[in-house]
């Protein structure tokens, strides 16, 4: 039997990359999934893929930074599937610069998507978690729910050129630890996964040599990618000898969503191929 049969998950930023693989993994293990992306096309494509494989999924499109998104995201799960058991805060992007050149907009945008948006989503889920846990306790049941916040080794060790991103990912680890203490009585496990080098569209594109790639965030073109030589140097320092795949990243998230992790909470799991 699949370990997540009957569970309902919401996964932000799940139309592409790591988020897509997380949504597919959770659905493949039996969970109904609410898929989110800025754009309808990739979100709906993931929904179709899940449904075609015999799973259950719906889309909730839009930016996680919208003030009402958290409530809408949670309500989509409750209205579509009647429950909410797993929250994965995955949506995000990088907008790098050294601090003397970093604008207020760069700082605020990264903090909004990586810290404020997860905060709002989790705040929107709080009443459901509390009320459901109370009813289950009165019935003599102990049923665990899961929150997995996506962090980064940049939030653990820091990274040059990423003052905004490093600060945001450190903050999500702090939020994780605080909520693990607040929500333990509701039987909600709250953990972070701090990824090292995972090969996605944000890291595969080569930046700074005339072949840069950009992503569109609310009409703003933001340069992404890693210089080829820098990528080679980073991979050489990874004990397993390479960067991770989105599917491997999704596997780490899955580990924190299954019953075997019911006594794990308030932790930051570094997923870096052996590199801290």
C-alpha atoms as a PDB file:
ATOM      1  CA  UNK A   1       0.000   0.000   0.000  1.00  0.00           C
ATOM      2  CA  UNK A   2       1.235   3.490  -0.819  1.00  0.00           C
ATOM      3  CA  UNK A   3       2.334   5.343   2.290  1.00  0.00           C
ATOM      4  CA  UNK A   4       0.298   8.500   1.578  1.00  0.00           C
ATOM      5  CA  UNK A   5      -3.037   6.992   0.604  1.00  0.00           C
ATOM      6  CA  UNK A   6      -5.864   9.273   1.717  1.00  0.00           C
ATOM      7  CA  UNK A   7      -3.582  12.247   2.413  1.00  0.00           C
ATOM      8  CA  UNK A   8      -3.991  15.681   0.848  1.00  0.00           C
ATOM      9  CA  UNK A   9      -0.975  17.851   0.004  1.00  0.00           C
ATOM     10  CA  UNK A  10      -0.438  21.395  -1.206  1.00  0.00           C
ATOM     11  CA  UNK A  11       2.872  22.103  -2.953  1.00  0.00           C
ATOM     12  CA  UNK A  12       3.744  25.657  -3.917  1.00  0.00           C
ATOM     13  CA  UNK A  13       5.780  26.249  -7.060  1.00  0.00           C
ATOM     14  CA  UNK A  14       5.014  22.756  -8.334  1.00  0.00           C
ATOM     15  CA  UNK A  15       4.538  23.415 -12.033  1.00  0.00           C
ATOM     16  CA  UNK A  16       8.244  23.053 -12.783  1.00  0.00           C
ATOM     17  CA  UNK A  17      11.557  21.757 -11.464  1.00  0.00           C
ATOM     18  CA  UNK A  18      11.848  20.419  -7.936  1.00  0.00           C
ATOM     19  CA  UNK A  19       8.257  21.342  -7.080  1.00  0.00           C
ATOM     20  CA  UNK A  20       6.926  19.338 -10.010  1.00  0.00           C
ATOM     21  CA  UNK A  21       8.903  16.296  -8.900  1.00  0.00           C
ATOM     22  CA  UNK A  22       7.610  16.708  -5.334  1.00  0.00           C
ATOM     23  CA  UNK A  23       4.014  16.851  -6.557  1.00  0.00           C
ATOM     24  CA  UNK A  24       4.500  13.777  -8.749  1.00  0.00           C
ATOM     25  CA  UNK A  25       6.213  11.850  -5.944  1.00  0.00           C
ATOM     26  CA  UNK A  26       3.526  12.587  -3.373  1.00  0.00           C
ATOM     27  CA  UNK A  27       0.775  11.787  -5.869  1.00  0.00           C
ATOM     28  CA  UNK A  28       2.533   8.579  -6.873  1.00  0.00           C
ATOM     29  CA  UNK A  29       2.461   7.528  -3.230  1.00  0.00           C
ATOM     30  CA  UNK A  30      -1.288   8.097  -2.967  1.00  0.00           C
ATOM     31  CA  UNK A  31      -1.730  11.746  -1.945  1.00  0.00           C
ATOM     32  CA  UNK A  32      -4.187  14.093  -3.597  1.00  0.00           C
ATOM     33  CA  UNK A  33      -2.231  17.203  -4.596  1.00  0.00           C
ATOM     34  CA  UNK A  34      -2.990  20.867  -5.100  1.00  0.00           C
ATOM     35  CA  UNK A  35      -0.491  22.040  -7.721  1.00  0.00           C
ATOM     36  CA  UNK A  36       0.606  25.677  -7.840  1.00  0.00           C
ATOM     37  CA  UNK A  37       2.485  27.756 -10.355  1.00  0.00           C
ATOM     38  CA  UNK A  38       2.560  31.397 -11.402  1.00  0.00           C
ATOM     39  CA  UNK A  39       1.232  30.311 -14.787  1.00  0.00           C
ATOM     40  CA  UNK A  40      -1.756  28.110 -15.550  1.00  0.00           C
ATOM     41  CA  UNK A  41      -0.121  26.056 -18.309  1.00  0.00           C
ATOM     42  CA  UNK A  42       2.623  24.298 -16.284  1.00  0.00           C
ATOM     43  CA  UNK A  43       0.322  23.806 -13.285  1.00  0.00           C
ATOM     44  CA  UNK A  44      -2.387  22.234 -15.422  1.00  0.00           C
ATOM     45  CA  UNK A  45       0.191  20.065 -17.203  1.00  0.00           C
ATOM     46  CA  UNK A  46       1.269  18.556 -13.869  1.00  0.00           C
ATOM     47  CA  UNK A  47      -2.374  18.038 -12.886  1.00  0.00           C
ATOM     48  CA  UNK A  48      -2.998  16.195 -16.149  1.00  0.00           C
ATOM     49  CA  UNK A  49       0.089  14.041 -15.613  1.00  0.00           C
ATOM     50  CA  UNK A  50      -1.047  13.056 -12.122  1.00  0.00           C
ATOM     51  CA  UNK A  51      -4.611  12.314 -13.228  1.00  0.00           C
ATOM     52  CA  UNK A  52      -3.407  10.300 -16.230  1.00  0.00           C
ATOM     53  CA  UNK A  53      -1.421   8.114 -13.822  1.00  0.00           C
ATOM     54  CA  UNK A  54      -4.542   7.456 -11.759  1.00  0.00           C
ATOM     55  CA  UNK A  55      -4.006  10.108  -9.088  1.00  0.00           C
ATOM     56  CA  UNK A  56      -5.988  13.092  -7.888  1.00  0.00           C
ATOM     57  CA  UNK A  57      -4.920  16.693  -8.406  1.00  0.00           C
ATOM     58  CA  UNK A  58      -6.214  20.208  -8.985  1.00  0.00           C
ATOM     59  CA  UNK A  59      -4.456  23.463  -9.814  1.00  0.00           C
ATOM     60  CA  UNK A  60      -4.304  26.674  -7.796  1.00  0.00           C
ATOM     61  CA  UNK A  61      -2.483  29.199  -9.958  1.00  0.00           C
ATOM     62  CA  UNK A  62      -1.065  32.560  -8.977  1.00  0.00           C
ATOM     63  CA  UNK A  63       1.789  34.150  -7.107  1.00  0.00           C
ATOM     64  CA  UNK A  64       2.416  32.962  -3.571  1.00  0.00           C
ATOM     65  CA  UNK A  65       3.271  36.562  -2.692  1.00  0.00           C
ATOM     66  CA  UNK A  66      -0.307  37.750  -3.202  1.00  0.00           C
ATOM     67  CA  UNK A  67      -1.772  38.757   0.157  1.00  0.00           C
ATOM     68  CA  UNK A  68      -4.731  36.369  -0.127  1.00  0.00           C
ATOM     69  CA  UNK A  69      -2.896  33.463  -1.714  1.00  0.00           C
ATOM     70  CA  UNK A  70      -2.299  31.463   1.469  1.00  0.00           C
ATOM     71  CA  UNK A  71      -5.980  31.376   2.313  1.00  0.00           C
ATOM     72  CA  UNK A  72      -6.921  30.523  -1.268  1.00  0.00           C
ATOM     73  CA  UNK A  73      -4.328  27.734  -1.416  1.00  0.00           C
ATOM     74  CA  UNK A  74      -5.542  26.087   1.778  1.00  0.00           C
ATOM     75  CA  UNK A  75      -9.204  26.469   0.832  1.00  0.00           C
ATOM     76  CA  UNK A  76      -8.567  24.832  -2.539  1.00  0.00           C
ATOM     77  CA  UNK A  77      -7.408  21.695  -0.728  1.00  0.00           C
ATOM     78  CA  UNK A  78     -10.295  21.718   1.733  1.00  0.00           C
ATOM     79  CA  UNK A  79     -12.951  22.389  -0.897  1.00  0.00           C
ATOM     80  CA  UNK A  80     -11.544  19.966  -3.471  1.00  0.00           C
ATOM     81  CA  UNK A  81     -10.520  17.078  -1.229  1.00  0.00           C
ATOM     82  CA  UNK A  82     -11.999  17.808   2.206  1.00  0.00           C
ATOM     83  CA  UNK A  83      -8.715  17.716   4.107  1.00  0.00           C
ATOM     84  CA  UNK A  84      -5.172  19.031   4.380  1.00  0.00           C
ATOM     85  CA  UNK A  85      -2.374  16.813   5.657  1.00  0.00           C
ATOM     86  CA  UNK A  86       0.849  17.985   3.991  1.00  0.00           C
ATOM     87  CA  UNK A  87       2.138  21.487   3.261  1.00  0.00           C
ATOM     88  CA  UNK A  88       5.265  21.904   1.149  1.00  0.00           C
ATOM     89  CA  UNK A  89       6.529  25.472   0.826  1.00  0.00           C
ATOM     90  CA  UNK A  90       8.688  25.208  -2.268  1.00  0.00           C
ATOM     91  CA  UNK A  91       8.039  28.259  -4.470  1.00  0.00           C
ATOM     92  CA  UNK A  92      10.934  30.611  -4.925  1.00  0.00           C
ATOM     93  CA  UNK A  93      13.741  31.964  -7.052  1.00  0.00           C
ATOM     94  CA  UNK A  94      17.071  33.758  -6.646  1.00  0.00           C
ATOM     95  CA  UNK A  95      17.960  37.358  -7.492  1.00  0.00           C
ATOM     96  CA  UNK A  96      21.639  37.650  -6.709  1.00  0.00           C
ATOM     97  CA  UNK A  97      23.967  40.578  -6.199  1.00  0.00           C
ATOM     98  CA  UNK A  98      26.705  41.686  -3.846  1.00  0.00           C
ATOM     99  CA  UNK A  99      25.268  43.717  -0.997  1.00  0.00           C
ATOM    100  CA  UNK A 100      26.569  47.124  -2.123  1.00  0.00           C
ATOM    101  CA  UNK A 101      24.740  46.674  -5.434  1.00  0.00           C
ATOM    102  CA  UNK A 102      21.615  44.981  -4.058  1.00  0.00           C
ATOM    103  CA  UNK A 103      18.473  47.091  -4.278  1.00  0.00           C
ATOM    104  CA  UNK A 104      15.652  47.278  -1.746  1.00  0.00           C
ATOM    105  CA  UNK A 105      13.466  45.596  -4.353  1.00  0.00           C
ATOM    106  CA  UNK A 106      15.855  42.661  -4.651  1.00  0.00           C
ATOM    107  CA  UNK A 107      15.935  42.266  -0.892  1.00  0.00           C
ATOM    108  CA  UNK A 108      12.190  42.613  -0.364  1.00  0.00           C
ATOM    109  CA  UNK A 109      11.184  40.395  -3.289  1.00  0.00           C
ATOM    110  CA  UNK A 110      13.298  37.480  -2.090  1.00  0.00           C
ATOM    111  CA  UNK A 111      12.139  37.867   1.510  1.00  0.00           C
ATOM    112  CA  UNK A 112       8.508  38.021   0.339  1.00  0.00           C
ATOM    113  CA  UNK A 113       8.612  34.814  -1.682  1.00  0.00           C
ATOM    114  CA  UNK A 114      10.771  32.748   0.669  1.00  0.00           C
ATOM    115  CA  UNK A 115       9.574  33.914   4.099  1.00  0.00           C
ATOM    116  CA  UNK A 116       6.367  35.966   4.025  1.00  0.00           C
ATOM    117  CA  UNK A 117       4.567  33.684   1.577  1.00  0.00           C
ATOM    118  CA  UNK A 118       5.239  30.475   3.569  1.00  0.00           C
ATOM    119  CA  UNK A 119       4.237  32.330   6.754  1.00  0.00           C
ATOM    120  CA  UNK A 120       0.890  33.271   5.231  1.00  0.00           C
ATOM    121  CA  UNK A 121       0.254  29.761   3.908  1.00  0.00           C
ATOM    122  CA  UNK A 122       1.011  28.205   7.285  1.00  0.00           C
ATOM    123  CA  UNK A 123      -1.061  30.800   9.124  1.00  0.00           C
ATOM    124  CA  UNK A 124      -3.971  29.958   6.817  1.00  0.00           C
ATOM    125  CA  UNK A 125      -3.592  26.254   7.661  1.00  0.00           C
ATOM    126  CA  UNK A 126      -3.398  26.788  11.425  1.00  0.00           C
ATOM    127  CA  UNK A 127      -7.112  26.692  12.263  1.00  0.00           C
ATOM    128  CA  UNK A 128      -7.672  23.513  10.262  1.00  0.00           C
ATOM    129  CA  UNK A 129      -4.723  21.778  11.906  1.00  0.00           C
ATOM    130  CA  UNK A 130      -5.861  22.843  15.380  1.00  0.00           C
ATOM    131  CA  UNK A 131      -9.511  21.917  14.972  1.00  0.00           C
ATOM    132  CA  UNK A 132      -8.786  18.592  13.302  1.00  0.00           C
ATOM    133  CA  UNK A 133      -6.207  17.627  15.929  1.00  0.00           C
ATOM    134  CA  UNK A 134      -8.644  18.477  18.726  1.00  0.00           C
ATOM    135  CA  UNK A 135     -11.378  16.302  17.221  1.00  0.00           C
ATOM    136  CA  UNK A 136      -8.945  13.428  16.704  1.00  0.00           C
ATOM    137  CA  UNK A 137      -7.622  13.670  20.261  1.00  0.00           C
ATOM    138  CA  UNK A 138     -11.172  13.547  21.634  1.00  0.00           C
ATOM    139  CA  UNK A 139     -11.697  10.395  19.576  1.00  0.00           C
ATOM    140  CA  UNK A 140      -8.518   8.875  21.002  1.00  0.00           C
ATOM    141  CA  UNK A 141      -6.628   9.149  17.722  1.00  0.00           C
ATOM    142  CA  UNK A 142      -3.069  10.333  17.104  1.00  0.00           C
ATOM    143  CA  UNK A 143      -2.721  11.368  13.464  1.00  0.00           C
ATOM    144  CA  UNK A 144       0.314  13.309  12.288  1.00  0.00           C
ATOM    145  CA  UNK A 145       0.392  15.989   9.627  1.00  0.00           C
ATOM    146  CA  UNK A 146       3.454  17.328   7.878  1.00  0.00           C
ATOM    147  CA  UNK A 147       5.000  20.654   6.936  1.00  0.00           C
ATOM    148  CA  UNK A 148       8.152  20.669   4.832  1.00  0.00           C
ATOM    149  CA  UNK A 149       9.724  24.063   4.169  1.00  0.00           C
ATOM    150  CA  UNK A 150      12.283  24.195   1.391  1.00  0.00           C
ATOM    151  CA  UNK A 151      15.490  25.863   2.494  1.00  0.00           C
ATOM    152  CA  UNK A 152      19.042  25.862   1.139  1.00  0.00           C
ATOM    153  CA  UNK A 153      22.598  25.345   2.257  1.00  0.00           C
ATOM    154  CA  UNK A 154      22.849  29.110   1.635  1.00  0.00           C
ATOM    155  CA  UNK A 155      20.587  29.523   4.643  1.00  0.00           C
ATOM    156  CA  UNK A 156      22.819  27.273   6.741  1.00  0.00           C
ATOM    157  CA  UNK A 157      26.311  28.365   5.647  1.00  0.00           C
ATOM    158  CA  UNK A 158      25.673  31.635   3.787  1.00  0.00           C
ATOM    159  CA  UNK A 159      26.753  32.309   0.218  1.00  0.00           C
ATOM    160  CA  UNK A 160      28.566  35.246  -1.354  1.00  0.00           C
ATOM    161  CA  UNK A 161      26.322  37.284  -3.622  1.00  0.00           C
ATOM    162  CA  UNK A 162      23.201  35.971  -1.917  1.00  0.00           C
ATOM    163  CA  UNK A 163      22.698  38.141   1.157  1.00  0.00           C
ATOM    164  CA  UNK A 164      18.959  38.256   0.452  1.00  0.00           C
ATOM    165  CA  UNK A 165      18.539  34.561  -0.341  1.00  0.00           C
ATOM    166  CA  UNK A 166      20.798  33.393   2.492  1.00  0.00           C
ATOM    167  CA  UNK A 167      18.917  35.565   4.977  1.00  0.00           C
ATOM    168  CA  UNK A 168      15.547  34.359   3.690  1.00  0.00           C
ATOM    169  CA  UNK A 169      16.496  30.694   3.849  1.00  0.00           C
ATOM    170  CA  UNK A 170      17.929  31.126   7.349  1.00  0.00           C
ATOM    171  CA  UNK A 171      14.644  32.758   8.315  1.00  0.00           C
ATOM    172  CA  UNK A 172      12.572  29.847   7.008  1.00  0.00           C
ATOM    173  CA  UNK A 173      14.668  27.536   9.178  1.00  0.00           C
ATOM    174  CA  UNK A 174      13.815  29.726  12.169  1.00  0.00           C
ATOM    175  CA  UNK A 175      10.131  29.635  11.271  1.00  0.00           C
ATOM    176  CA  UNK A 176      10.383  25.856  10.986  1.00  0.00           C
ATOM    177  CA  UNK A 177      11.819  25.483  14.478  1.00  0.00           C
ATOM    178  CA  UNK A 178       9.303  27.877  16.027  1.00  0.00           C
ATOM    179  CA  UNK A 179       6.304  26.120  14.490  1.00  0.00           C
ATOM    180  CA  UNK A 180       7.636  22.699  15.462  1.00  0.00           C
ATOM    181  CA  UNK A 181       7.288  23.899  19.058  1.00  0.00           C
ATOM    182  CA  UNK A 182       3.922  25.600  18.552  1.00  0.00           C
ATOM    183  CA  UNK A 183       2.320  22.783  16.581  1.00  0.00           C
ATOM    184  CA  UNK A 184       3.743  19.731  18.310  1.00  0.00           C
ATOM    185  CA  UNK A 185       0.586  19.529  20.433  1.00  0.00           C
ATOM    186  CA  UNK A 186      -1.427  19.345  17.215  1.00  0.00           C
ATOM    187  CA  UNK A 187       0.689  16.416  15.984  1.00  0.00           C
ATOM    188  CA  UNK A 188       2.152  18.445  13.124  1.00  0.00           C
ATOM    189  CA  UNK A 189       5.768  17.698  12.213  1.00  0.00           C
ATOM    190  CA  UNK A 190       7.498  20.803  10.858  1.00  0.00           C
ATOM    191  CA  UNK A 191      10.875  20.374   9.150  1.00  0.00           C
ATOM    192  CA  UNK A 192      13.077  22.047   6.548  1.00  0.00           C
ATOM    193  CA  UNK A 193      15.018  20.517   3.690  1.00  0.00           C
ATOM    194  CA  UNK A 194      18.144  22.522   2.851  1.00  0.00           C
ATOM    195  CA  UNK A 195      19.208  21.693  -0.681  1.00  0.00           C
ATOM    196  CA  UNK A 196      22.724  21.924  -1.963  1.00  0.00           C
ATOM    197  CA  UNK A 197      23.316  21.899  -5.709  1.00  0.00           C
ATOM    198  CA  UNK A 198      20.212  20.553  -7.423  1.00  0.00           C
ATOM    199  CA  UNK A 199      20.256  20.831 -11.206  1.00  0.00           C
ATOM    200  CA  UNK A 200      17.228  22.831 -12.350  1.00  0.00           C
ATOM    201  CA  UNK A 201      16.567  25.620 -14.849  1.00  0.00           C
ATOM    202  CA  UNK A 202      17.885  28.053 -12.223  1.00  0.00           C
ATOM    203  CA  UNK A 203      21.296  26.378 -12.134  1.00  0.00           C
ATOM    204  CA  UNK A 204      21.714  24.794 -15.563  1.00  0.00           C
ATOM    205  CA  UNK A 205      21.638  28.073 -17.518  1.00  0.00           C
ATOM    206  CA  UNK A 206      25.024  29.706 -17.903  1.00  0.00           C
ATOM    207  CA  UNK A 207      25.138  33.254 -16.607  1.00  0.00           C
ATOM    208  CA  UNK A 208      27.636  35.991 -17.286  1.00  0.00           C
ATOM    209  CA  UNK A 209      29.112  34.811 -20.592  1.00  0.00           C
ATOM    210  CA  UNK A 210      26.598  36.070 -23.115  1.00  0.00           C
ATOM    211  CA  UNK A 211      24.365  33.013 -22.839  1.00  0.00           C
ATOM    212  CA  UNK A 212      22.446  34.056 -19.745  1.00  0.00           C
ATOM    213  CA  UNK A 213      18.929  32.861 -19.123  1.00  0.00           C
ATOM    214  CA  UNK A 214      16.139  34.788 -17.465  1.00  0.00           C
ATOM    215  CA  UNK A 215      12.896  33.995 -15.734  1.00  0.00           C
ATOM    216  CA  UNK A 216       9.797  36.173 -15.737  1.00  0.00           C
ATOM    217  CA  UNK A 217       8.518  37.116 -12.275  1.00  0.00           C
ATOM    218  CA  UNK A 218       5.470  39.395 -12.377  1.00  0.00           C
ATOM    219  CA  UNK A 219       6.631  40.921 -15.653  1.00  0.00           C
ATOM    220  CA  UNK A 220      10.228  41.433 -14.504  1.00  0.00           C
ATOM    221  CA  UNK A 221      13.014  39.560 -16.277  1.00  0.00           C
ATOM    222  CA  UNK A 222      15.471  38.217 -13.693  1.00  0.00           C
ATOM    223  CA  UNK A 223      18.803  36.724 -14.728  1.00  0.00           C
ATOM    224  CA  UNK A 224      19.442  33.212 -13.432  1.00  0.00           C
ATOM    225  CA  UNK A 225      22.078  30.559 -13.889  1.00  0.00           C
ATOM    226  CA  UNK A 226      25.551  29.555 -12.778  1.00  0.00           C
ATOM    227  CA  UNK A 227      28.805  30.096 -14.638  1.00  0.00           C
ATOM    228  CA  UNK A 228      29.995  26.836 -16.209  1.00  0.00           C
ATOM    229  CA  UNK A 229      33.400  26.866 -14.533  1.00  0.00           C
ATOM    230  CA  UNK A 230      31.877  27.696 -11.158  1.00  0.00           C
ATOM    231  CA  UNK A 231      29.437  24.819 -11.603  1.00  0.00           C
ATOM    232  CA  UNK A 232      32.322  22.476 -12.358  1.00  0.00           C
ATOM    233  CA  UNK A 233      34.214  23.646  -9.271  1.00  0.00           C
ATOM    234  CA  UNK A 234      31.183  23.214  -7.032  1.00  0.00           C
ATOM    235  CA  UNK A 235      30.499  19.700  -8.296  1.00  0.00           C
ATOM    236  CA  UNK A 236      34.125  18.745  -7.674  1.00  0.00           C
ATOM    237  CA  UNK A 237      33.630  19.480  -3.967  1.00  0.00           C
ATOM    238  CA  UNK A 238      30.558  17.267  -3.635  1.00  0.00           C
ATOM    239  CA  UNK A 239      31.547  13.888  -2.162  1.00  0.00           C
ATOM    240  CA  UNK A 240      29.191  11.920  -4.418  1.00  0.00           C
ATOM    241  CA  UNK A 241      30.732  13.708  -7.408  1.00  0.00           C
ATOM    242  CA  UNK A 242      27.752  15.493  -8.926  1.00  0.00           C
ATOM    243  CA  UNK A 243      24.786  17.722  -8.314  1.00  0.00           C
ATOM    244  CA  UNK A 244      21.462  16.234  -7.373  1.00  0.00           C
ATOM    245  CA  UNK A 245      18.440  15.729  -9.600  1.00  0.00           C
ATOM    246  CA  UNK A 246      14.986  17.190  -8.940  1.00  0.00           C
ATOM    247  CA  UNK A 247      13.715  13.632  -8.393  1.00  0.00           C
ATOM    248  CA  UNK A 248      16.342  13.064  -5.702  1.00  0.00           C
ATOM    249  CA  UNK A 249      15.358  16.364  -4.099  1.00  0.00           C
ATOM    250  CA  UNK A 250      11.730  15.249  -4.087  1.00  0.00           C
ATOM    251  CA  UNK A 251      12.735  11.998  -2.417  1.00  0.00           C
ATOM    252  CA  UNK A 252      14.142  13.911   0.544  1.00  0.00           C
ATOM    253  CA  UNK A 253      10.891  15.825   0.963  1.00  0.00           C
ATOM    254  CA  UNK A 254       8.933  12.586   0.728  1.00  0.00           C
ATOM    255  CA  UNK A 255      10.939  11.118   3.616  1.00  0.00           C
ATOM    256  CA  UNK A 256       9.595  13.870   5.881  1.00  0.00           C
ATOM    257  CA  UNK A 257       5.999  13.253   4.774  1.00  0.00           C
ATOM    258  CA  UNK A 258       5.672   9.549   5.571  1.00  0.00           C
ATOM    259  CA  UNK A 259       4.646   7.954   8.900  1.00  0.00           C
ATOM    260  CA  UNK A 260       8.212   6.852   9.625  1.00  0.00           C
ATOM    261  CA  UNK A 261       9.069  10.524  10.261  1.00  0.00           C
ATOM    262  CA  UNK A 262       6.352  11.083  12.871  1.00  0.00           C
ATOM    263  CA  UNK A 263       8.898  11.669  15.649  1.00  0.00           C
ATOM    264  CA  UNK A 264      11.078  14.004  13.601  1.00  0.00           C
ATOM    265  CA  UNK A 265      10.275  17.697  13.961  1.00  0.00           C
ATOM    266  CA  UNK A 266      12.073  21.027  14.088  1.00  0.00           C
ATOM    267  CA  UNK A 267      14.974  19.729  11.996  1.00  0.00           C
ATOM    268  CA  UNK A 268      16.894  21.059   9.003  1.00  0.00           C
ATOM    269  CA  UNK A 269      17.842  18.169   6.719  1.00  0.00           C
ATOM    270  CA  UNK A 270      20.799  19.087   4.496  1.00  0.00           C
ATOM    271  CA  UNK A 271      20.554  17.377   1.114  1.00  0.00           C
ATOM    272  CA  UNK A 272      23.875  18.057  -0.551  1.00  0.00           C
ATOM    273  CA  UNK A 273      25.441  14.806  -1.630  1.00  0.00           C
ATOM    274  CA  UNK A 274      27.658  14.730   1.444  1.00  0.00           C
ATOM    275  CA  UNK A 275      28.700  18.376   1.298  1.00  0.00           C
ATOM    276  CA  UNK A 276      27.541  20.339   4.371  1.00  0.00           C
END
